[in-house]
Amino acid sequence: MPQDEAVIGCTGKLLIATRGSAGPGEVLVRVRGGSETFLAWSEKPLQMGATVLVIESRGCREVGVIEWVDPLDALGGDPAGAG
């Protein structure tokens, strides 16, 4: 099955926790102007609800993910009050 390059670099939320090498979870990814679900593989277990970054497409609606913290969130402050 061909890889889905469009999902690489997208973020999503885990609907089902990953179990590292013991098995995949499920992630809802914002892609192509909507949201799609994929099987999500990670090197280490990740909790349900974690924000993740898609780092690879494994084809057949399967992706590799890592936990993701938006670097802009680390800046703090209220974005609505900026300016």
Protein backbone atom coordinates (compact mmCIF):
# COMPACT_ATOMS: atom_id res chain seq x y z
CA MET A 1 0.00 0.00 0.00
CA PRO A 2 1.41 3.43 -0.89
CA GLN A 3 2.38 5.88 1.82
CA ASP A 4 0.13 8.85 2.59
CA GLU A 5 2.63 11.72 2.53
CA ALA A 6 -0.08 14.32 3.33
CA VAL A 7 -0.31 13.23 6.97
CA ILE A 8 3.42 13.59 7.76
CA GLY A 9 3.88 16.69 9.91
CA CYS A 10 0.22 16.86 10.94
CA THR A 11 -0.89 16.81 14.56
CA GLY A 12 -3.66 14.82 16.15
CA LYS A 13 -5.17 13.47 19.38
CA LEU A 14 -4.97 9.86 20.49
CA LEU A 15 -8.42 8.30 20.70
CA ILE A 16 -6.92 5.01 21.91
CA ALA A 17 -3.59 4.89 23.77
CA THR A 18 -0.56 3.41 22.03
CA ARG A 19 1.30 0.53 23.67
CA GLY A 20 4.77 1.00 22.23
CA SER A 21 6.05 -2.20 20.63
CA ALA A 22 3.08 -4.11 22.11
CA GLY A 23 0.63 -2.57 19.65
CA PRO A 24 -0.92 0.49 18.05
CA GLY A 25 -3.49 2.97 19.25
CA GLU A 26 -5.76 5.16 17.18
CA VAL A 27 -5.26 8.83 16.33
CA LEU A 28 -7.58 11.48 14.93
CA VAL A 29 -5.47 13.62 12.56
CA ARG A 30 -6.37 17.01 11.14
CA VAL A 31 -5.57 16.62 7.45
CA ARG A 32 -6.95 17.62 4.04
CA GLY A 33 -9.35 20.20 5.53
CA GLY A 34 -10.98 17.66 7.86
CA SER A 35 -10.16 14.90 10.32
CA GLU A 36 -9.31 11.25 9.64
CA THR A 37 -8.46 8.31 11.90
CA PHE A 38 -5.35 6.16 11.57
CA LEU A 39 -3.72 3.33 13.48
CA ALA A 40 -0.95 5.01 15.49
CA TRP A 41 2.39 3.37 16.33
CA SER A 42 4.91 4.85 18.77
CA GLU A 43 8.24 3.72 20.26
CA LYS A 44 6.95 4.17 23.80
CA PRO A 45 3.39 3.97 25.17
CA LEU A 46 1.39 7.20 24.91
CA GLN A 47 -1.81 7.98 26.84
CA MET A 48 -5.26 8.46 25.37
CA GLY A 49 -5.86 12.17 24.75
CA ALA A 50 -2.18 12.95 24.14
CA THR A 51 -1.38 15.39 21.35
CA VAL A 52 0.90 13.73 18.81
CA LEU A 53 2.87 14.62 15.70
CA VAL A 54 2.81 12.26 12.72
CA ILE A 55 6.42 11.48 11.78
CA GLU A 56 5.90 8.72 9.22
CA SER A 57 3.29 7.06 7.06
CA ARG A 58 3.31 3.28 7.13
CA GLY A 59 0.72 2.96 4.37
CA CYS A 60 -2.68 1.28 4.75
CA ARG A 61 -3.93 4.02 7.14
CA GLU A 62 -1.13 3.46 9.66
CA VAL A 63 1.20 6.18 10.96
CA GLY A 64 4.16 6.57 13.29
CA VAL A 65 3.70 9.24 15.97
CA ILE A 66 5.58 11.00 18.78
CA GLU A 67 4.19 13.02 21.66
CA TRP A 68 3.94 16.69 20.70
CA VAL A 69 3.90 19.92 22.68
CA ASP A 70 3.31 23.00 20.58
CA PRO A 71 6.39 25.23 21.06
CA LEU A 72 4.18 28.32 20.93
CA ASP A 73 2.33 27.08 24.02
CA ALA A 74 5.64 27.21 25.91
CA LEU A 75 5.81 30.98 25.34
CA GLY A 76 2.83 31.43 27.65
CA GLY A 77 0.61 34.44 27.65
CA ASP A 78 -2.85 34.88 26.21
CA PRO A 79 -2.81 34.77 22.39
CA ALA A 80 -6.24 36.45 22.29
CA GLY A 81 -4.81 39.42 24.19
CA ALA A 82 -1.70 39.77 22.03
CA GLY A 83 -1.13 43.02 20.27
